[in-house]
Protein backbone atom coordinates (compact mmCIF):
# COMPACT_ATOMS: atom_id res chain seq x y z
CA MET A 1 -65.10 -126.13 -88.09
CA GLU A 2 -65.66 -127.78 -84.69
CA LEU A 3 -62.92 -127.29 -82.08
CA PHE A 4 -62.31 -129.59 -79.11
CA GLN A 5 -59.47 -128.45 -76.85
CA VAL A 6 -57.95 -130.72 -74.22
CA LYS A 7 -56.72 -128.20 -71.63
CA GLY A 8 -56.05 -130.64 -68.80
CA GLU A 9 -56.38 -134.32 -68.01
CA ILE A 10 -59.33 -136.52 -68.91
CA ILE A 11 -59.28 -139.54 -66.62
CA GLY A 12 -61.12 -142.80 -67.16
CA PRO A 13 -63.11 -144.52 -64.41
CA SER A 14 -61.05 -146.38 -61.83
CA LYS A 15 -63.70 -149.11 -61.47
CA LEU A 16 -65.06 -151.44 -64.11
CA PRO A 17 -68.56 -150.61 -65.34
CA GLY A 18 -71.35 -153.12 -64.84
CA HIS A 19 -71.81 -153.65 -68.59
CA ASP A 20 -69.71 -153.98 -71.73
CA VAL A 21 -68.37 -150.71 -73.06
CA LYS A 22 -66.89 -150.67 -76.57
CA THR A 23 -65.70 -147.08 -76.61
CA TRP A 24 -64.96 -144.61 -73.85
CA LEU A 25 -64.81 -141.32 -75.80
CA SER A 26 -66.41 -141.22 -79.26
CA PHE A 27 -66.82 -138.60 -81.98
CA GLN A 28 -69.16 -139.62 -84.80
CA ASN A 29 -70.32 -137.93 -88.00
CA VAL A 30 -68.50 -134.65 -87.34
CA ASN A 31 -67.11 -132.83 -90.38
CA GLY A 32 -64.18 -130.46 -89.85
CA LEU A 33 -63.36 -131.48 -86.27
CA THR A 34 -60.10 -130.26 -84.72
CA VAL A 35 -58.82 -131.81 -81.49
CA THR A 36 -55.87 -129.96 -79.99
CA GLY A 37 -53.74 -130.04 -76.89
CA THR A 38 -50.37 -129.02 -75.50
CA TRP A 39 -47.77 -131.57 -74.45
CA PRO A 40 -47.46 -132.71 -71.69
CA TYR A 41 -50.51 -131.07 -70.12
CA SER A 42 -53.26 -132.38 -72.40
CA ARG A 43 -53.68 -136.00 -71.36
CA ILE A 44 -56.26 -138.69 -71.89
CA ASP A 45 -55.68 -141.40 -69.29
CA GLY A 46 -57.65 -144.58 -69.88
CA LYS A 47 -56.80 -146.11 -66.48
CA GLY A 48 -56.14 -149.39 -68.25
CA VAL A 49 -54.45 -151.22 -65.37
CA VAL A 50 -57.73 -152.35 -63.84
CA TRP A 51 -58.88 -153.68 -67.23
CA TRP A 52 -55.63 -155.47 -68.12
CA SER A 53 -55.64 -157.43 -64.87
CA SER A 54 -59.37 -158.21 -64.70
CA VAL A 55 -60.78 -158.50 -68.25
CA HIS A 56 -58.76 -160.97 -70.29
CA ASP A 57 -61.19 -160.96 -73.24
CA VAL A 58 -59.92 -157.98 -75.22
CA ASN A 59 -63.28 -157.62 -76.98
CA ARG A 60 -64.82 -156.63 -73.66
CA ARG A 61 -62.40 -153.78 -73.08
CA PRO A 62 -63.13 -150.28 -74.41
CA THR A 63 -61.21 -148.27 -76.96
CA ALA A 64 -60.21 -145.01 -75.27
CA LEU A 65 -60.88 -142.62 -78.18
CA GLU A 66 -62.80 -143.25 -81.40
CA PHE A 67 -63.42 -141.15 -84.50
CA ALA A 68 -66.05 -142.61 -86.84
CA THR A 69 -67.13 -140.98 -90.11
CA CYS A 70 -65.28 -137.79 -89.24
CA ASP A 71 -64.01 -136.19 -92.46
CA ASN A 72 -61.46 -133.36 -92.51
CA LEU A 73 -60.25 -134.28 -89.04
CA GLU A 74 -57.16 -132.89 -87.28
CA ILE A 75 -55.64 -134.20 -84.04
CA SER A 76 -52.52 -132.63 -82.53
CA GLY A 77 -50.60 -132.09 -79.32
CA THR A 78 -52.39 -134.60 -77.09
CA THR A 79 -50.95 -137.34 -74.87
CA HIS A 80 -52.71 -140.70 -74.55
CA VAL A 81 -51.80 -143.16 -71.80
CA ASN A 82 -52.88 -146.58 -70.59
CA SER A 83 -55.94 -147.30 -72.68
CA PRO A 84 -57.82 -150.47 -71.73
CA ARG A 85 -57.61 -151.50 -75.39
CA ASN A 86 -56.44 -149.50 -78.42
CA HIS A 87 -55.78 -145.83 -77.71
CA ILE A 88 -57.15 -144.22 -80.88
CA ALA A 89 -59.44 -145.75 -83.52
CA ILE A 90 -60.02 -144.08 -86.90
CA SER A 91 -62.83 -145.65 -88.95
CA SER A 92 -64.64 -144.55 -92.12
CA CYS A 93 -62.83 -141.19 -92.13
CA THR A 94 -61.40 -139.17 -95.04
CA ASN A 95 -58.78 -136.40 -94.98
CA VAL A 96 -57.24 -136.84 -91.52
CA THR A 97 -54.07 -135.24 -90.14
CA ILE A 98 -52.55 -136.56 -86.90
CA ARG A 99 -49.38 -134.95 -85.57
CA ASN A 100 -47.31 -134.38 -82.47
CA LEU A 101 -48.97 -137.06 -80.36
CA HIS A 102 -47.53 -139.07 -77.47
CA ILE A 103 -49.12 -142.48 -76.91
CA ILE A 104 -47.80 -144.51 -73.99
CA ALA A 105 -48.62 -147.83 -72.31
CA PRO A 106 -46.46 -150.56 -70.75
CA GLU A 107 -44.87 -153.11 -73.06
CA THR A 108 -46.75 -155.83 -71.15
CA SER A 109 -50.22 -154.33 -71.74
CA GLN A 110 -51.82 -156.56 -74.35
CA ASN A 111 -53.80 -155.20 -77.32
CA THR A 112 -53.08 -151.57 -76.50
CA ASP A 113 -52.47 -150.46 -80.10
CA GLY A 114 -51.49 -146.84 -80.53
CA ILE A 115 -53.56 -145.93 -83.60
CA ASP A 116 -55.85 -148.32 -85.48
CA ILE A 117 -57.11 -147.26 -88.91
CA ALA A 118 -59.91 -148.98 -90.84
CA SER A 119 -61.98 -148.14 -93.94
CA SER A 120 -60.33 -144.73 -94.25
CA SER A 121 -58.43 -142.76 -96.88
CA ASN A 122 -56.11 -139.77 -97.18
CA ILE A 123 -54.62 -140.13 -93.69
CA GLN A 124 -51.42 -138.40 -92.57
CA ILE A 125 -49.66 -139.32 -89.33
CA ARG A 126 -46.43 -137.54 -88.52
CA ASP A 127 -43.94 -136.46 -85.87
CA SER A 128 -45.27 -138.59 -83.02
CA TYR A 129 -44.03 -140.97 -80.34
CA ILE A 130 -45.87 -144.26 -79.78
CA GLY A 131 -44.77 -146.88 -77.27
CA THR A 132 -47.35 -149.50 -76.23
CA GLY A 133 -47.96 -153.21 -75.73
CA ASP A 134 -49.11 -153.89 -79.30
CA ASP A 135 -48.92 -152.31 -82.77
CA CYS A 136 -47.81 -148.69 -82.73
CA ILE A 137 -49.99 -148.22 -85.82
CA ALA A 138 -52.20 -150.86 -87.43
CA ILE A 139 -53.62 -150.33 -90.92
CA ASN A 140 -56.65 -152.51 -91.52
CA SER A 141 -58.98 -153.36 -94.39
CA GLY A 142 -60.53 -150.62 -96.48
CA CYS A 143 -57.58 -148.23 -96.19
CA ASN A 144 -55.86 -146.38 -99.01
CA ASN A 145 -53.52 -143.42 -99.35
CA ILE A 146 -52.07 -143.58 -95.84
CA ASN A 147 -48.89 -141.56 -95.21
CA ILE A 148 -46.87 -142.07 -92.00
CA THR A 149 -43.66 -140.13 -91.41
CA GLY A 150 -41.46 -139.19 -88.48
CA VAL A 151 -42.96 -141.70 -86.03
CA THR A 152 -40.81 -143.14 -83.26
CA CYS A 153 -42.17 -146.56 -82.30
CA GLY A 154 -41.17 -148.63 -79.30
CA PRO A 155 -41.84 -150.56 -77.27
CA GLY A 156 -44.56 -152.31 -79.23
CA HIS A 157 -45.15 -154.56 -82.21
CA GLY A 158 -44.05 -152.15 -84.92
CA ILE A 159 -46.10 -150.58 -87.71
CA SER A 160 -48.35 -153.19 -89.27
CA VAL A 161 -50.54 -153.60 -92.30
CA GLY A 162 -53.16 -155.97 -90.94
CA SER A 163 -54.08 -158.30 -89.73
CA LEU A 164 -56.14 -158.96 -92.88
CA GLY A 165 -58.50 -161.75 -93.91
CA MET A 166 -59.57 -163.02 -90.49
CA ASN A 167 -62.37 -165.62 -90.55
CA GLY A 168 -62.22 -165.78 -94.35
CA GLY A 169 -62.84 -162.06 -94.70
CA HIS A 170 -62.23 -159.97 -97.80
CA ALA A 171 -59.65 -157.21 -97.33
CA GLU A 172 -58.39 -154.37 -99.52
CA VAL A 173 -55.42 -152.15 -98.65
CA GLU A 174 -53.33 -150.07 -101.06
CA GLU A 175 -51.17 -146.97 -101.44
CA ILE A 176 -49.51 -147.08 -98.01
CA PHE A 177 -46.34 -145.03 -97.50
CA ILE A 178 -44.28 -145.25 -94.28
CA GLU A 179 -41.04 -143.30 -94.16
CA ASN A 180 -38.49 -141.71 -91.82
CA CYS A 181 -39.60 -143.81 -88.86
CA THR A 182 -37.62 -145.39 -86.00
CA PHE A 183 -38.24 -148.74 -84.32
CA THR A 184 -36.65 -149.13 -80.89
CA ALA A 185 -36.75 -152.53 -79.12
CA THR A 186 -39.97 -153.48 -80.91
CA GLN A 187 -41.16 -157.07 -81.39
CA ASN A 188 -41.51 -156.31 -85.10
CA GLY A 189 -40.48 -153.49 -87.38
CA ALA A 190 -42.18 -153.19 -90.76
CA ARG A 191 -44.84 -155.90 -90.82
CA ILE A 192 -47.58 -157.19 -93.11
CA LYS A 193 -49.78 -159.86 -91.51
CA THR A 194 -52.63 -161.84 -93.06
CA TRP A 195 -54.67 -164.85 -91.96
CA GLN A 196 -55.01 -167.98 -94.01
CA GLY A 197 -58.34 -168.30 -95.79
CA GLY A 198 -58.90 -164.63 -96.57
CA SER A 199 -59.26 -162.89 -99.93
CA GLY A 200 -58.59 -159.49 -101.47
CA PHE A 201 -55.28 -157.66 -101.70
CA ALA A 202 -52.57 -155.65 -99.97
CA LYS A 203 -50.57 -153.80 -102.61
CA LYS A 204 -48.48 -150.71 -103.35
CA ILE A 205 -46.97 -150.51 -99.87
CA VAL A 206 -43.64 -148.77 -99.22
CA PHE A 207 -41.49 -148.71 -96.07
CA GLU A 208 -38.59 -146.33 -96.67
CA ASN A 209 -35.74 -144.76 -94.68
CA ILE A 210 -36.29 -146.80 -91.53
CA LYS A 211 -33.97 -146.75 -88.50
CA LEU A 212 -33.74 -149.86 -86.31
CA ILE A 213 -32.43 -149.95 -82.75
CA ASN A 214 -32.36 -153.47 -81.27
CA ALA A 215 -35.57 -154.42 -83.04
CA TYR A 216 -36.87 -157.96 -83.43
CA ASN A 217 -38.13 -159.05 -86.87
CA PRO A 218 -37.17 -155.81 -88.64
CA ILE A 219 -38.75 -156.83 -91.97
CA ILE A 220 -41.55 -159.38 -91.91
CA ILE A 221 -44.37 -160.57 -94.13
CA ASP A 222 -46.45 -163.18 -92.34
CA GLN A 223 -49.25 -164.79 -94.35
CA TYR A 224 -49.70 -167.44 -91.65
CA TYR A 225 -50.65 -165.02 -88.91
CA CYS A 226 -52.16 -166.96 -86.00
CA PRO A 227 -51.78 -165.30 -82.59
CA THR A 228 -54.12 -167.70 -80.80
CA ALA A 229 -52.87 -170.37 -78.42
CA LYS A 230 -54.16 -173.22 -80.59
CA SER A 231 -52.92 -173.93 -84.10
CA CYS A 232 -54.82 -172.48 -87.05
CA ILE A 233 -56.17 -174.74 -89.80
CA ASN A 234 -54.27 -174.64 -93.10
CA LYS A 235 -56.32 -173.04 -95.87
CA THR A 236 -55.56 -172.53 -99.55
CA SER A 237 -57.01 -169.06 -100.15
CA ALA A 238 -55.15 -165.93 -99.05
CA VAL A 239 -55.04 -162.17 -99.34
CA ASP A 240 -52.84 -161.32 -102.35
CA VAL A 241 -49.70 -159.44 -101.29
CA SER A 242 -47.89 -157.59 -104.09
CA GLY A 243 -45.90 -154.48 -104.88
CA ILE A 244 -44.24 -154.23 -101.46
CA SER A 245 -41.02 -152.21 -101.12
CA PHE A 246 -38.56 -152.08 -98.22
CA ILE A 247 -36.02 -149.35 -98.96
CA ALA A 248 -33.13 -147.87 -96.96
CA PHE A 249 -33.36 -149.81 -93.71
CA ARG A 250 -30.43 -149.38 -91.34
CA GLY A 251 -29.64 -150.42 -87.80
CA THR A 252 -29.55 -153.42 -85.51
CA SER A 253 -31.67 -156.54 -85.10
CA MET A 254 -32.23 -158.67 -82.02
CA SER A 255 -33.34 -161.53 -84.31
CA ASN A 256 -31.04 -163.74 -86.34
CA GLU A 257 -33.62 -163.55 -89.12
CA ALA A 258 -33.66 -159.87 -89.96
CA VAL A 259 -35.76 -160.48 -93.08
CA LYS A 260 -38.60 -163.00 -92.95
CA LEU A 261 -40.90 -163.29 -95.97
CA SER A 262 -43.38 -166.04 -95.16
CA CYS A 263 -45.87 -166.04 -98.03
CA SER A 264 -48.80 -168.28 -98.90
CA GLU A 265 -47.76 -171.54 -100.56
CA ASN A 266 -50.69 -171.26 -102.95
CA HIS A 267 -50.65 -167.54 -103.77
CA GLY A 268 -47.21 -166.25 -102.83
CA CYS A 269 -46.09 -162.65 -102.59
CA THR A 270 -45.15 -160.94 -105.86
CA ASN A 271 -43.18 -157.90 -106.98
CA LEU A 272 -41.26 -157.49 -103.72
CA LEU A 273 -38.31 -155.09 -103.56
CA LEU A 274 -35.58 -154.85 -100.94
CA ASP A 275 -33.10 -152.07 -101.69
CA HIS A 276 -30.30 -150.49 -99.64
CA ILE A 277 -30.80 -152.69 -96.59
CA ASN A 278 -28.07 -152.59 -93.93
CA ILE A 279 -29.10 -154.55 -90.84
CA THR A 280 -26.54 -155.97 -88.43
CA SER A 281 -26.89 -158.05 -85.29
CA SER A 282 -27.14 -156.43 -81.89
CA VAL A 283 -26.51 -159.75 -80.15
CA GLY A 284 -22.84 -160.19 -79.29
CA SER A 285 -19.91 -158.99 -81.35
CA GLY A 286 -19.75 -159.87 -84.99
CA GLY A 287 -23.19 -161.46 -85.03
CA VAL A 288 -24.55 -162.31 -88.46
CA VAL A 289 -28.16 -161.85 -89.51
CA ASN A 290 -29.85 -163.76 -92.29
CA SER A 291 -33.05 -163.95 -94.32
CA SER A 292 -35.71 -166.54 -95.03
CA CYS A 293 -38.43 -166.84 -97.66
CA THR A 294 -41.45 -168.98 -98.46
CA ASN A 295 -42.86 -168.50 -101.97
CA ALA A 296 -41.70 -164.87 -102.07
CA HIS A 297 -41.08 -163.38 -105.53
CA GLY A 298 -39.11 -160.22 -106.23
CA ARG A 299 -35.63 -158.79 -106.19
CA TYR A 300 -33.07 -157.29 -103.85
CA MET A 301 -30.20 -154.86 -104.32
CA ASP A 302 -27.41 -153.72 -102.03
CA SER A 303 -28.75 -155.69 -99.09
CA ILE A 304 -27.27 -156.92 -95.81
CA PRO A 305 -28.38 -159.58 -95.25
CA LYS A 306 -28.60 -160.96 -98.75
CA VAL A 307 -32.05 -162.17 -99.71
CA ASP A 308 -31.02 -164.94 -102.08
CA CYS A 309 -34.14 -166.88 -101.19
CA LEU A 310 -36.32 -164.55 -103.30
CA LEU A 311 -37.80 -166.21 -106.38
CA PRO A 312 -38.00 -164.42 -109.72
């Protein structure tokens, strides 16, 4: 076992380097690594302000902390603030436990994801607070058997599967379980996002026992994901989205559309389940929320709002 203890504060450079830097701190090919700290004393400060204001191309900003091909990894007790880009990246790792983390950046800091996961399996994330300017957790292609529980998210863009299928890419994601989480004033809650033109699948994904506090877009599947300023070209192929369950959601929505299932016109989403949903409006008194669907197939039970737009 390799032990790395954060006993104080690790501070990023206050000036931009003279060349592109993809990662600030990186651990690669370490088996049995344990990274520990004690809140609030163990801090990794990426000094992102100088990057956010000066480097608008996110691909030229560094990830603060990366773990690549690190099996049997444990991370606990550390605080991560103001990364220039995403705070923690997990790639090509197996058997990872992440717990008791605090990840913090301003809501206005673009592309400052809390934890990004790619090409990894058997990942557990639990009992953590994440509030940033982008996804609290993003689950990307090549991931399976991901378990997330007890995460408080907000501000940020929610917990997302994707984006998948960018530039016609092939993506595979399955066996994702997200439960007992809270979304507070997030731009999205439980989200699946795919680009047009991709291939592959996102399946066997469960969001369960989710608390919403003034969240926008509490439940959203977006197969027309296109965050760029210009419009994306319509394409017929898509990542297949199936076997998605949203169970026991409760709380308040800042959006009139509390449930938005926008699926590919050519492929559609199949085997969707919405069960025990109780979402009310946080805008005014007596506000009513509703749902919308595009080529979404499945069923709903005991749901406010009703999701009558689901196809069989």
